[in-house]
N, C-alpha and C. Protein backbone atom coordinates (compact mmCIF):
# COMPACT_ATOMS: atom_id res chain seq x y z
N MET A 1 -55.87 -51.60 -19.21
CA MET A 1 -54.61 -51.97 -18.56
C MET A 1 -54.00 -50.71 -17.90
N ILE A 2 -53.38 -50.86 -16.81
CA ILE A 2 -52.74 -49.75 -16.02
C ILE A 2 -51.29 -49.74 -16.38
N LEU A 3 -50.69 -48.69 -16.59
CA LEU A 3 -49.18 -48.55 -16.70
C LEU A 3 -48.67 -48.06 -15.51
N ILE A 4 -47.84 -48.72 -14.72
CA ILE A 4 -47.06 -48.11 -13.57
C ILE A 4 -45.63 -48.01 -13.85
N VAL A 5 -45.32 -46.74 -13.90
CA VAL A 5 -43.87 -46.39 -14.26
C VAL A 5 -43.19 -45.92 -13.10
N GLY A 6 -41.93 -46.36 -12.95
CA GLY A 6 -40.99 -46.09 -11.91
C GLY A 6 -39.93 -45.04 -12.44
N LEU A 7 -39.79 -43.83 -11.91
CA LEU A 7 -38.73 -43.10 -12.46
C LEU A 7 -37.36 -43.34 -11.77
N GLY A 8 -36.26 -43.15 -12.57
CA GLY A 8 -34.98 -43.37 -12.09
C GLY A 8 -33.94 -43.22 -13.22
N ASN A 9 -32.80 -43.45 -12.91
CA ASN A 9 -31.59 -43.44 -13.87
C ASN A 9 -31.14 -44.82 -14.05
N PRO A 10 -30.77 -45.20 -15.25
CA PRO A 10 -30.35 -46.56 -15.62
C PRO A 10 -28.84 -46.67 -15.18
N GLY A 11 -28.38 -47.84 -14.86
CA GLY A 11 -27.00 -48.13 -14.47
C GLY A 11 -26.76 -48.30 -13.05
N LYS A 12 -25.82 -49.17 -12.82
CA LYS A 12 -25.40 -49.53 -11.47
C LYS A 12 -24.93 -48.45 -10.61
N LYS A 13 -24.38 -47.37 -11.31
CA LYS A 13 -23.90 -46.07 -10.67
C LYS A 13 -25.09 -45.51 -9.80
N PHE A 14 -26.30 -45.70 -10.35
CA PHE A 14 -27.37 -44.89 -9.74
C PHE A 14 -28.27 -45.82 -8.88
N PHE A 15 -28.05 -47.05 -8.77
CA PHE A 15 -28.72 -47.94 -7.91
C PHE A 15 -28.79 -47.59 -6.55
N GLN A 16 -29.88 -47.78 -5.85
CA GLN A 16 -30.08 -47.34 -4.55
C GLN A 16 -29.90 -45.81 -4.24
N THR A 17 -29.95 -45.04 -5.15
CA THR A 17 -29.87 -43.54 -4.96
C THR A 17 -31.23 -42.96 -4.73
N ARG A 18 -31.28 -41.68 -4.06
CA ARG A 18 -32.70 -41.21 -3.89
C ARG A 18 -33.50 -40.95 -5.14
N HIS A 19 -32.90 -40.54 -6.20
CA HIS A 19 -33.57 -40.16 -7.43
C HIS A 19 -34.17 -41.46 -8.09
N ASN A 20 -33.61 -42.63 -7.62
CA ASN A 20 -34.06 -43.92 -8.25
C ASN A 20 -35.15 -44.64 -7.39
N ILE A 21 -35.86 -43.84 -6.57
CA ILE A 21 -36.86 -44.59 -5.62
C ILE A 21 -37.93 -45.08 -6.48
N GLY A 22 -38.23 -44.55 -7.60
CA GLY A 22 -39.24 -45.01 -8.57
C GLY A 22 -38.96 -46.50 -8.96
N PHE A 23 -37.64 -46.68 -9.37
CA PHE A 23 -37.21 -48.04 -9.64
C PHE A 23 -37.16 -48.96 -8.58
N LEU A 24 -36.80 -48.51 -7.37
CA LEU A 24 -36.71 -49.40 -6.23
C LEU A 24 -38.08 -49.82 -5.79
N PHE A 25 -39.04 -48.95 -5.72
CA PHE A 25 -40.40 -49.23 -5.38
C PHE A 25 -41.05 -50.20 -6.41
N LEU A 26 -40.81 -49.88 -7.59
CA LEU A 26 -41.35 -50.81 -8.68
C LEU A 26 -40.76 -52.23 -8.57
N ASP A 27 -39.51 -52.36 -8.31
CA ASP A 27 -38.99 -53.74 -8.04
C ASP A 27 -39.73 -54.42 -6.98
N TYR A 28 -39.94 -53.60 -5.77
CA TYR A 28 -40.76 -54.15 -4.76
C TYR A 28 -42.15 -54.50 -5.17
N LEU A 29 -42.82 -53.69 -5.90
CA LEU A 29 -44.14 -53.85 -6.38
C LEU A 29 -44.34 -55.21 -7.18
N LYS A 30 -43.21 -55.43 -8.02
CA LYS A 30 -43.45 -56.47 -8.90
C LYS A 30 -43.35 -57.85 -8.24
N LYS A 31 -42.92 -58.00 -7.03
CA LYS A 31 -43.11 -59.23 -6.23
C LYS A 31 -44.27 -59.53 -5.71
N PHE A 32 -45.25 -58.60 -5.85
CA PHE A 32 -46.57 -58.80 -5.23
C PHE A 32 -47.52 -59.26 -6.41
N GLY A 33 -47.03 -59.38 -7.53
CA GLY A 33 -47.91 -59.82 -8.62
C GLY A 33 -47.41 -61.00 -9.33
N SER A 34 -47.84 -61.20 -10.48
CA SER A 34 -47.53 -62.33 -11.46
C SER A 34 -46.88 -61.72 -12.76
N PHE A 35 -45.53 -61.42 -12.57
CA PHE A 35 -44.88 -60.78 -13.58
C PHE A 35 -43.53 -61.61 -14.04
N PRO A 36 -43.42 -61.51 -15.47
CA PRO A 36 -42.07 -62.20 -15.90
C PRO A 36 -40.98 -61.15 -15.51
N SER A 37 -39.72 -61.77 -15.77
CA SER A 37 -38.48 -60.91 -15.59
C SER A 37 -38.61 -59.62 -16.53
N TRP A 38 -37.86 -58.68 -15.96
CA TRP A 38 -37.82 -57.36 -16.83
C TRP A 38 -37.26 -57.65 -18.25
N ARG A 39 -37.70 -57.10 -19.26
CA ARG A 39 -37.45 -57.16 -20.64
C ARG A 39 -37.04 -55.79 -21.07
N LYS A 40 -35.82 -55.70 -21.56
CA LYS A 40 -35.49 -54.38 -22.17
C LYS A 40 -35.98 -54.13 -23.62
N SER A 41 -36.70 -53.10 -23.76
CA SER A 41 -37.32 -52.89 -25.14
C SER A 41 -36.55 -51.51 -25.70
N GLU A 42 -35.75 -51.83 -26.66
CA GLU A 42 -35.01 -50.64 -27.26
C GLU A 42 -36.09 -49.73 -27.87
N LYS A 43 -37.00 -50.26 -28.60
CA LYS A 43 -38.08 -49.57 -29.16
C LYS A 43 -38.76 -48.52 -28.23
N LEU A 44 -39.19 -49.00 -27.13
CA LEU A 44 -39.83 -48.34 -25.98
C LEU A 44 -38.90 -47.61 -25.13
N GLU A 45 -37.65 -47.82 -25.24
CA GLU A 45 -36.68 -47.17 -24.33
C GLU A 45 -36.97 -47.29 -22.97
N ALA A 46 -37.33 -48.55 -22.58
CA ALA A 46 -37.59 -48.95 -21.16
C ALA A 46 -37.57 -50.50 -20.90
N LYS A 47 -37.36 -50.79 -19.67
CA LYS A 47 -37.45 -52.20 -19.16
C LYS A 47 -38.89 -52.33 -18.76
N ILE A 48 -39.56 -53.26 -19.31
CA ILE A 48 -40.82 -53.51 -18.98
C ILE A 48 -41.23 -55.01 -18.59
N SER A 49 -42.34 -55.13 -17.90
CA SER A 49 -42.80 -56.44 -17.54
C SER A 49 -44.33 -56.43 -17.44
N LYS A 50 -45.00 -57.26 -18.05
CA LYS A 50 -46.51 -57.20 -18.24
C LYS A 50 -47.13 -58.34 -17.48
N GLY A 51 -48.03 -58.17 -16.63
CA GLY A 51 -48.57 -59.19 -16.01
C GLY A 51 -49.88 -58.91 -15.12
N LYS A 52 -50.03 -59.61 -13.96
CA LYS A 52 -51.30 -59.31 -13.19
C LYS A 52 -50.83 -58.80 -11.89
N LEU A 53 -51.61 -57.90 -11.34
CA LEU A 53 -51.44 -57.38 -9.99
C LEU A 53 -52.73 -57.17 -9.29
N PHE A 54 -53.01 -57.89 -8.25
CA PHE A 54 -54.22 -57.78 -7.59
C PHE A 54 -55.42 -58.03 -8.60
N LYS A 55 -55.34 -58.94 -9.52
CA LYS A 55 -56.17 -59.41 -10.43
C LYS A 55 -56.52 -58.42 -11.65
N LYS A 56 -55.54 -57.51 -11.89
CA LYS A 56 -55.75 -56.40 -12.84
C LYS A 56 -54.63 -56.64 -13.84
N ASP A 57 -54.73 -56.39 -15.08
CA ASP A 57 -53.74 -56.18 -16.03
C ASP A 57 -52.89 -55.12 -15.76
N VAL A 58 -51.61 -55.20 -15.53
CA VAL A 58 -50.63 -54.15 -15.30
C VAL A 58 -49.44 -54.24 -16.12
N LEU A 59 -48.93 -53.14 -16.55
CA LEU A 59 -47.65 -53.09 -17.32
C LEU A 59 -46.77 -52.27 -16.38
N LEU A 60 -45.65 -52.80 -15.92
CA LEU A 60 -44.68 -52.02 -15.22
C LEU A 60 -43.58 -51.67 -16.26
N ALA A 61 -43.04 -50.40 -16.04
CA ALA A 61 -41.97 -50.03 -16.88
C ALA A 61 -41.01 -49.04 -16.04
N LYS A 62 -39.73 -49.25 -16.43
CA LYS A 62 -38.49 -48.41 -15.95
C LYS A 62 -37.94 -47.71 -17.19
N PRO A 63 -38.22 -46.56 -17.48
CA PRO A 63 -37.60 -45.94 -18.65
C PRO A 63 -36.09 -45.75 -18.52
N GLN A 64 -35.52 -45.97 -19.63
CA GLN A 64 -34.04 -46.07 -19.67
C GLN A 64 -33.39 -44.88 -20.27
N THR A 65 -34.16 -43.76 -20.32
CA THR A 65 -33.85 -42.57 -20.94
C THR A 65 -33.07 -41.60 -19.96
N PHE A 66 -32.70 -41.91 -18.83
CA PHE A 66 -32.51 -41.04 -17.57
C PHE A 66 -33.73 -40.34 -17.19
N ILE A 67 -33.72 -39.91 -16.05
CA ILE A 67 -34.93 -39.54 -15.29
C ILE A 67 -35.39 -38.26 -15.90
N ASN A 68 -34.55 -37.22 -16.29
CA ASN A 68 -34.99 -36.01 -16.88
C ASN A 68 -35.67 -36.05 -18.27
N ASN A 69 -35.46 -37.23 -18.92
CA ASN A 69 -36.18 -37.38 -20.23
C ASN A 69 -37.17 -38.57 -20.14
N SER A 70 -37.75 -38.86 -19.13
CA SER A 70 -38.64 -39.95 -18.81
C SER A 70 -39.81 -39.89 -19.73
N GLY A 71 -40.21 -38.62 -20.02
CA GLY A 71 -41.49 -38.57 -20.80
C GLY A 71 -41.46 -39.18 -22.30
N GLU A 72 -40.08 -39.09 -22.78
CA GLU A 72 -39.94 -39.78 -24.15
C GLU A 72 -40.32 -41.27 -24.25
N ALA A 73 -39.87 -42.00 -23.11
CA ALA A 73 -40.16 -43.43 -23.04
C ALA A 73 -41.60 -43.57 -22.84
N ILE A 74 -42.25 -42.86 -21.81
CA ILE A 74 -43.50 -42.97 -21.55
C ILE A 74 -44.42 -42.68 -22.70
N LEU A 75 -44.20 -41.65 -23.53
CA LEU A 75 -45.07 -41.41 -24.63
C LEU A 75 -44.95 -42.65 -25.59
N LYS A 76 -43.84 -43.28 -25.69
CA LYS A 76 -43.64 -44.33 -26.72
C LYS A 76 -44.50 -45.63 -26.18
N ILE A 77 -44.41 -45.81 -24.89
CA ILE A 77 -45.19 -46.80 -24.23
C ILE A 77 -46.73 -46.59 -24.46
N LYS A 78 -47.12 -45.49 -24.13
CA LYS A 78 -48.54 -45.04 -24.19
C LYS A 78 -49.08 -45.29 -25.65
N LYS A 79 -48.37 -44.84 -26.60
CA LYS A 79 -48.75 -45.07 -27.92
C LYS A 79 -48.86 -46.47 -28.38
N PHE A 80 -47.75 -47.20 -28.00
CA PHE A 80 -47.68 -48.64 -28.40
C PHE A 80 -48.77 -49.42 -27.80
N TYR A 81 -49.05 -49.35 -26.55
CA TYR A 81 -50.23 -49.95 -26.06
C TYR A 81 -51.52 -49.27 -25.94
N LYS A 82 -51.64 -48.14 -26.55
CA LYS A 82 -52.89 -47.44 -26.71
C LYS A 82 -53.46 -47.19 -25.34
N LEU A 83 -52.86 -46.49 -24.41
CA LEU A 83 -53.19 -46.32 -23.10
C LEU A 83 -53.90 -44.86 -22.95
N LEU A 84 -54.75 -44.75 -22.06
CA LEU A 84 -55.22 -43.47 -21.74
C LEU A 84 -54.44 -42.81 -20.69
N ASP A 85 -54.27 -41.52 -20.71
CA ASP A 85 -53.56 -40.73 -19.73
C ASP A 85 -53.75 -41.08 -18.28
N GLU A 86 -55.06 -41.12 -17.97
CA GLU A 86 -55.45 -41.36 -16.66
C GLU A 86 -54.98 -42.92 -16.11
N ASN A 87 -54.73 -43.67 -17.09
CA ASN A 87 -54.17 -45.09 -16.68
C ASN A 87 -52.70 -45.16 -16.64
N ILE A 88 -52.13 -44.10 -16.59
CA ILE A 88 -50.70 -43.98 -16.38
C ILE A 88 -50.41 -43.52 -15.06
N TRP A 89 -49.60 -44.41 -14.20
CA TRP A 89 -49.35 -44.01 -12.77
C TRP A 89 -47.81 -43.95 -12.80
N VAL A 90 -47.33 -42.82 -12.18
CA VAL A 90 -45.94 -42.60 -12.12
C VAL A 90 -45.47 -42.63 -10.73
N VAL A 91 -44.47 -43.34 -10.35
CA VAL A 91 -43.86 -43.45 -8.98
C VAL A 91 -42.49 -42.65 -8.99
N HIS A 92 -42.38 -41.71 -8.20
CA HIS A 92 -41.16 -40.96 -8.17
C HIS A 92 -40.82 -40.38 -6.95
N ASP A 93 -39.54 -39.88 -6.81
CA ASP A 93 -39.11 -39.14 -5.56
C ASP A 93 -39.70 -37.68 -5.56
N ASP A 94 -39.87 -37.25 -4.28
CA ASP A 94 -40.45 -36.06 -4.00
C ASP A 94 -39.58 -35.32 -2.93
N ILE A 95 -38.84 -34.28 -3.11
CA ILE A 95 -38.04 -33.64 -2.16
C ILE A 95 -38.98 -32.71 -1.17
N GLY A 96 -40.16 -32.59 -1.51
CA GLY A 96 -41.04 -31.71 -0.84
C GLY A 96 -41.66 -32.48 0.38
N LEU A 97 -41.52 -33.66 0.34
CA LEU A 97 -42.10 -34.69 1.29
C LEU A 97 -40.98 -35.28 2.25
N GLU A 98 -41.22 -35.35 3.58
CA GLU A 98 -40.16 -35.99 4.32
C GLU A 98 -39.96 -37.45 3.88
N VAL A 99 -38.87 -38.00 4.26
CA VAL A 99 -38.39 -39.44 3.94
C VAL A 99 -39.49 -40.35 4.37
N GLY A 100 -39.94 -41.13 3.27
CA GLY A 100 -40.91 -42.25 3.50
C GLY A 100 -42.42 -41.87 3.40
N ARG A 101 -42.71 -40.59 3.27
CA ARG A 101 -44.09 -40.27 3.19
C ARG A 101 -44.51 -40.36 1.78
N ILE A 102 -45.82 -40.77 1.59
CA ILE A 102 -46.35 -41.16 0.31
C ILE A 102 -47.55 -40.05 0.19
N LYS A 103 -47.67 -39.55 -1.07
CA LYS A 103 -48.79 -38.72 -1.36
C LYS A 103 -49.13 -39.25 -2.80
N ILE A 104 -50.42 -39.13 -3.10
CA ILE A 104 -50.97 -39.47 -4.46
C ILE A 104 -51.56 -38.14 -4.99
N SER A 105 -51.20 -37.79 -6.26
CA SER A 105 -51.69 -36.71 -6.81
C SER A 105 -52.06 -36.90 -8.26
N LYS A 106 -52.81 -36.04 -8.72
CA LYS A 106 -53.38 -36.12 -10.21
C LYS A 106 -53.54 -34.66 -10.67
N GLU A 107 -53.25 -34.41 -11.77
CA GLU A 107 -53.47 -33.14 -12.52
C GLU A 107 -52.79 -31.95 -11.84
N LYS A 108 -51.52 -32.25 -11.40
CA LYS A 108 -50.73 -31.16 -10.63
C LYS A 108 -49.48 -30.92 -11.47
N GLY A 109 -48.89 -29.73 -11.21
CA GLY A 109 -47.60 -29.46 -11.83
C GLY A 109 -46.56 -30.34 -11.36
N ALA A 110 -45.37 -30.21 -12.04
CA ALA A 110 -44.14 -30.88 -11.73
C ALA A 110 -43.49 -30.54 -10.39
N GLY A 111 -43.74 -29.34 -9.81
CA GLY A 111 -43.16 -29.19 -8.54
C GLY A 111 -41.59 -29.06 -8.51
N GLY A 112 -41.05 -28.77 -9.84
CA GLY A 112 -39.60 -28.61 -9.80
C GLY A 112 -38.97 -30.00 -10.30
N HIS A 113 -39.60 -31.05 -10.30
CA HIS A 113 -39.10 -32.37 -10.76
C HIS A 113 -38.98 -32.50 -12.30
N LYS A 114 -37.73 -32.46 -12.80
CA LYS A 114 -37.50 -32.42 -14.10
C LYS A 114 -38.08 -33.65 -14.89
N GLY A 115 -38.06 -34.83 -14.14
CA GLY A 115 -38.62 -35.97 -14.74
C GLY A 115 -40.06 -35.91 -15.01
N VAL A 116 -40.82 -35.35 -14.05
CA VAL A 116 -42.27 -35.24 -14.11
C VAL A 116 -42.45 -34.21 -15.16
N GLN A 117 -41.73 -33.13 -15.23
CA GLN A 117 -42.02 -32.02 -16.27
C GLN A 117 -41.69 -32.61 -17.60
N SER A 118 -40.80 -33.52 -17.83
CA SER A 118 -40.67 -34.23 -19.13
C SER A 118 -41.79 -35.00 -19.41
N ILE A 119 -42.41 -35.67 -18.51
CA ILE A 119 -43.73 -36.42 -18.87
C ILE A 119 -44.80 -35.38 -19.17
N ILE A 120 -45.03 -34.34 -18.48
CA ILE A 120 -46.10 -33.27 -18.80
C ILE A 120 -45.91 -32.84 -20.15
N ASN A 121 -44.68 -32.51 -20.55
CA ASN A 121 -44.33 -32.01 -21.87
C ASN A 121 -44.46 -32.99 -22.93
N SER A 122 -44.22 -34.28 -22.80
CA SER A 122 -44.33 -35.31 -23.85
C SER A 122 -45.70 -35.64 -23.92
N LEU A 123 -46.55 -35.81 -22.93
CA LEU A 123 -47.85 -36.28 -23.03
C LEU A 123 -48.74 -35.16 -23.31
N GLU A 124 -48.23 -33.91 -23.04
CA GLU A 124 -48.99 -32.66 -23.17
C GLU A 124 -50.25 -32.54 -22.39
N THR A 125 -50.17 -33.18 -21.19
CA THR A 125 -51.28 -33.15 -20.11
C THR A 125 -50.62 -33.33 -18.74
N LYS A 126 -51.38 -33.07 -17.67
CA LYS A 126 -51.09 -33.44 -16.41
C LYS A 126 -52.13 -34.49 -15.88
N ASN A 127 -52.80 -35.04 -16.72
CA ASN A 127 -53.87 -36.05 -16.44
C ASN A 127 -53.46 -37.41 -16.30
N PHE A 128 -52.35 -37.60 -15.42
CA PHE A 128 -51.84 -38.92 -15.04
C PHE A 128 -51.74 -38.97 -13.54
N VAL A 129 -51.59 -40.02 -12.86
CA VAL A 129 -51.54 -40.28 -11.50
C VAL A 129 -50.14 -40.36 -11.06
N ARG A 130 -49.78 -39.67 -9.98
CA ARG A 130 -48.38 -39.66 -9.38
C ARG A 130 -48.47 -40.19 -7.92
N PHE A 131 -47.55 -41.23 -7.77
CA PHE A 131 -47.29 -41.73 -6.35
C PHE A 131 -45.92 -41.04 -5.96
N ARG A 132 -46.02 -40.04 -5.12
CA ARG A 132 -44.78 -39.37 -4.71
C ARG A 132 -44.27 -39.92 -3.52
N ILE A 133 -43.08 -40.19 -3.54
CA ILE A 133 -42.38 -40.82 -2.26
C ILE A 133 -41.36 -39.88 -1.73
N GLY A 134 -41.59 -39.32 -0.62
CA GLY A 134 -40.67 -38.44 0.12
C GLY A 134 -39.27 -38.96 0.34
N ILE A 135 -38.31 -37.97 0.01
CA ILE A 135 -36.85 -38.19 0.28
C ILE A 135 -36.27 -36.93 1.11
N ARG A 136 -37.05 -36.01 1.55
CA ARG A 136 -36.55 -34.88 2.20
C ARG A 136 -35.98 -35.32 3.71
N PRO A 137 -34.71 -35.06 3.94
CA PRO A 137 -34.11 -35.46 5.13
C PRO A 137 -34.43 -34.41 6.37
N ARG A 138 -34.04 -34.71 7.47
CA ARG A 138 -34.17 -33.62 8.61
C ARG A 138 -33.24 -32.67 8.52
N LYS A 139 -31.98 -32.95 8.06
CA LYS A 139 -30.95 -32.00 7.88
C LYS A 139 -31.06 -31.12 6.67
N LYS A 140 -30.42 -29.91 6.72
CA LYS A 140 -30.48 -29.13 5.49
C LYS A 140 -29.68 -29.61 4.24
N ILE A 141 -30.24 -29.41 3.18
CA ILE A 141 -29.66 -29.90 1.84
C ILE A 141 -28.72 -28.81 1.36
N LYS A 142 -27.43 -29.14 1.13
CA LYS A 142 -26.45 -28.24 0.55
C LYS A 142 -26.62 -28.02 -0.88
N ASN A 143 -26.53 -29.19 -1.47
CA ASN A 143 -26.66 -29.24 -2.98
C ASN A 143 -27.55 -30.20 -3.45
N LEU A 144 -28.64 -29.67 -4.05
CA LEU A 144 -29.83 -30.65 -4.39
C LEU A 144 -29.33 -31.70 -5.42
N LYS A 145 -28.69 -31.25 -6.29
CA LYS A 145 -28.32 -32.09 -7.50
C LYS A 145 -27.47 -33.31 -6.90
N ASN A 146 -26.52 -32.95 -6.05
CA ASN A 146 -25.75 -34.09 -5.48
C ASN A 146 -26.61 -34.87 -4.54
N PHE A 147 -27.44 -34.32 -3.72
CA PHE A 147 -28.20 -35.01 -2.74
C PHE A 147 -29.19 -36.09 -3.41
N VAL A 148 -29.67 -35.82 -4.55
CA VAL A 148 -30.72 -36.84 -5.01
C VAL A 148 -29.94 -37.95 -5.67
N LEU A 149 -28.55 -37.84 -5.99
CA LEU A 149 -27.85 -38.93 -6.49
C LEU A 149 -26.82 -39.70 -5.47
N GLU A 150 -27.22 -39.26 -4.13
CA GLU A 150 -26.55 -40.08 -3.02
C GLU A 150 -27.39 -41.26 -2.67
N LYS A 151 -26.86 -42.20 -2.04
CA LYS A 151 -27.49 -43.35 -1.55
C LYS A 151 -28.29 -43.05 -0.27
N PHE A 152 -29.33 -43.79 0.15
CA PHE A 152 -29.95 -43.48 1.42
C PHE A 152 -29.08 -43.94 2.57
N THR A 153 -29.38 -43.16 3.78
CA THR A 153 -28.69 -43.54 4.92
C THR A 153 -29.48 -44.73 5.57
N LYS A 154 -28.88 -45.31 6.53
CA LYS A 154 -29.55 -46.47 7.28
C LYS A 154 -30.84 -46.08 7.76
N GLU A 155 -30.91 -44.80 8.49
CA GLU A 155 -32.20 -44.56 9.01
C GLU A 155 -33.28 -44.28 7.87
N GLU A 156 -32.83 -43.61 6.70
CA GLU A 156 -33.77 -43.42 5.73
C GLU A 156 -34.27 -44.77 5.06
N ARG A 157 -33.32 -45.75 5.16
CA ARG A 157 -33.75 -47.11 4.47
C ARG A 157 -34.84 -47.65 5.42
N ARG A 158 -34.75 -47.40 6.82
CA ARG A 158 -35.72 -48.06 7.55
C ARG A 158 -37.16 -47.40 7.31
N ALA A 159 -37.03 -46.05 7.16
CA ALA A 159 -38.30 -45.30 7.02
C ALA A 159 -38.98 -45.80 5.51
N LEU A 160 -38.04 -45.96 4.50
CA LEU A 160 -38.51 -46.36 3.26
C LEU A 160 -39.04 -47.86 3.23
N ASN A 161 -38.68 -48.65 4.21
CA ASN A 161 -39.21 -50.11 4.23
C ASN A 161 -40.69 -49.91 4.80
N ARG A 162 -40.66 -49.06 5.82
CA ARG A 162 -42.24 -48.92 6.27
C ARG A 162 -43.01 -48.22 5.13
N ALA A 163 -42.54 -47.29 4.30
CA ALA A 163 -43.27 -46.84 3.20
C ALA A 163 -43.66 -47.68 2.13
N LYS A 164 -42.78 -48.76 1.96
CA LYS A 164 -43.13 -49.69 1.01
C LYS A 164 -44.47 -50.44 1.27
N ARG A 165 -44.61 -50.72 2.46
CA ARG A 165 -45.81 -51.41 2.86
C ARG A 165 -46.99 -50.51 2.53
N LYS A 166 -46.86 -49.14 2.87
CA LYS A 166 -48.08 -48.31 2.62
C LYS A 166 -48.22 -48.12 1.05
N PHE A 167 -47.09 -48.16 0.34
CA PHE A 167 -47.07 -48.01 -1.17
C PHE A 167 -47.93 -49.18 -1.67
N ILE A 168 -47.65 -50.49 -1.28
CA ILE A 168 -48.34 -51.58 -1.79
C ILE A 168 -49.82 -51.53 -1.59
N LEU A 169 -50.20 -51.02 -0.33
CA LEU A 169 -51.54 -50.85 0.15
C LEU A 169 -52.32 -49.83 -0.89
N ALA A 170 -51.49 -48.73 -1.05
CA ALA A 170 -52.02 -47.68 -1.91
C ALA A 170 -52.31 -48.11 -3.37
N ILE A 171 -51.35 -48.90 -3.92
CA ILE A 171 -51.53 -49.42 -5.24
C ILE A 171 -52.69 -50.38 -5.28
N GLU A 172 -52.84 -51.30 -4.30
CA GLU A 172 -53.82 -52.33 -4.33
C GLU A 172 -55.20 -51.59 -4.21
N LEU A 173 -55.27 -50.62 -3.28
CA LEU A 173 -56.69 -49.91 -3.13
C LEU A 173 -56.88 -49.12 -4.34
N ALA A 174 -55.94 -48.57 -5.06
CA ALA A 174 -56.20 -47.75 -6.28
C ALA A 174 -56.60 -48.60 -7.43
N LEU A 175 -56.21 -49.95 -7.44
CA LEU A 175 -56.56 -50.78 -8.51
C LEU A 175 -57.94 -51.41 -8.20
N LYS A 176 -58.41 -51.38 -7.07
CA LYS A 176 -59.57 -52.07 -6.60
C LYS A 176 -60.90 -51.08 -6.35
N GLU A 177 -60.43 -49.89 -6.06
CA GLU A 177 -61.51 -48.88 -5.65
C GLU A 177 -61.41 -47.50 -6.39
N ASN A 178 -62.14 -46.59 -6.04
CA ASN A 178 -62.05 -45.28 -6.51
C ASN A 178 -60.85 -44.47 -6.16
N LEU A 179 -60.09 -43.91 -7.06
CA LEU A 179 -58.94 -43.25 -6.96
C LEU A 179 -58.96 -42.18 -5.97
N GLU A 180 -60.04 -41.34 -6.03
CA GLU A 180 -60.08 -40.09 -5.15
C GLU A 180 -60.39 -40.65 -3.68
N LYS A 181 -61.04 -41.74 -3.36
CA LYS A 181 -61.17 -42.22 -2.16
C LYS A 181 -59.85 -42.78 -1.51
N VAL A 182 -58.95 -43.31 -2.37
CA VAL A 182 -57.77 -43.87 -2.03
C VAL A 182 -56.72 -42.64 -1.71
N MET A 183 -56.91 -41.54 -2.56
CA MET A 183 -56.06 -40.41 -2.26
C MET A 183 -56.32 -39.73 -0.93
N THR A 184 -57.75 -39.58 -0.57
CA THR A 184 -57.99 -39.09 0.72
C THR A 184 -57.44 -40.01 1.87
N GLU A 185 -57.52 -41.28 1.77
CA GLU A 185 -56.94 -42.09 2.69
C GLU A 185 -55.51 -42.14 2.86
N ILE A 186 -54.83 -42.25 1.76
CA ILE A 186 -53.40 -42.21 1.83
C ILE A 186 -52.68 -40.86 2.16
N ASN A 187 -53.42 -39.78 1.74
CA ASN A 187 -52.67 -38.44 1.76
C ASN A 187 -52.80 -37.76 3.17
N LYS A 188 -53.51 -38.54 4.08
CA LYS A 188 -53.79 -37.97 5.41
C LYS A 188 -52.49 -37.57 6.00
């Protein structure tokens, strides 16, 4: 089974913000498979939905620990479902990529992303897959902490809608083919 985790912050206050792109893209991905409604698991500190996606068993999860502590929930899910690190795929925002750009990486550092660092610390490895979704605007960012908690502009939402289609293709190919081949294709 593959665990696909979307990073974000729980609560309506953070809905549709840049830091919640993992949640947004997971909600979109859920529509392409056969998944039940989200179920909140207090034990796992996450909203989860287990189903089929492109004929593969997939567990979707949205940690409810706040983004900077995502590793706590992911470790609980990993242990409960007895998952291998390489079968954990994390979808998150990346300020280093322009809005809507997608890159897949594995065995890389956190790049300053505190949520990803939390996962590395909790799992004690970098051996998981990351689907990095760009949020860097064309204008200069004055305050990064405030910026990631702002909602997307209309122009950014259009770029993200295009990126969602590429994201679905990337997930489908990653489930069906060799991950390195998919990385080469998507990361161009």
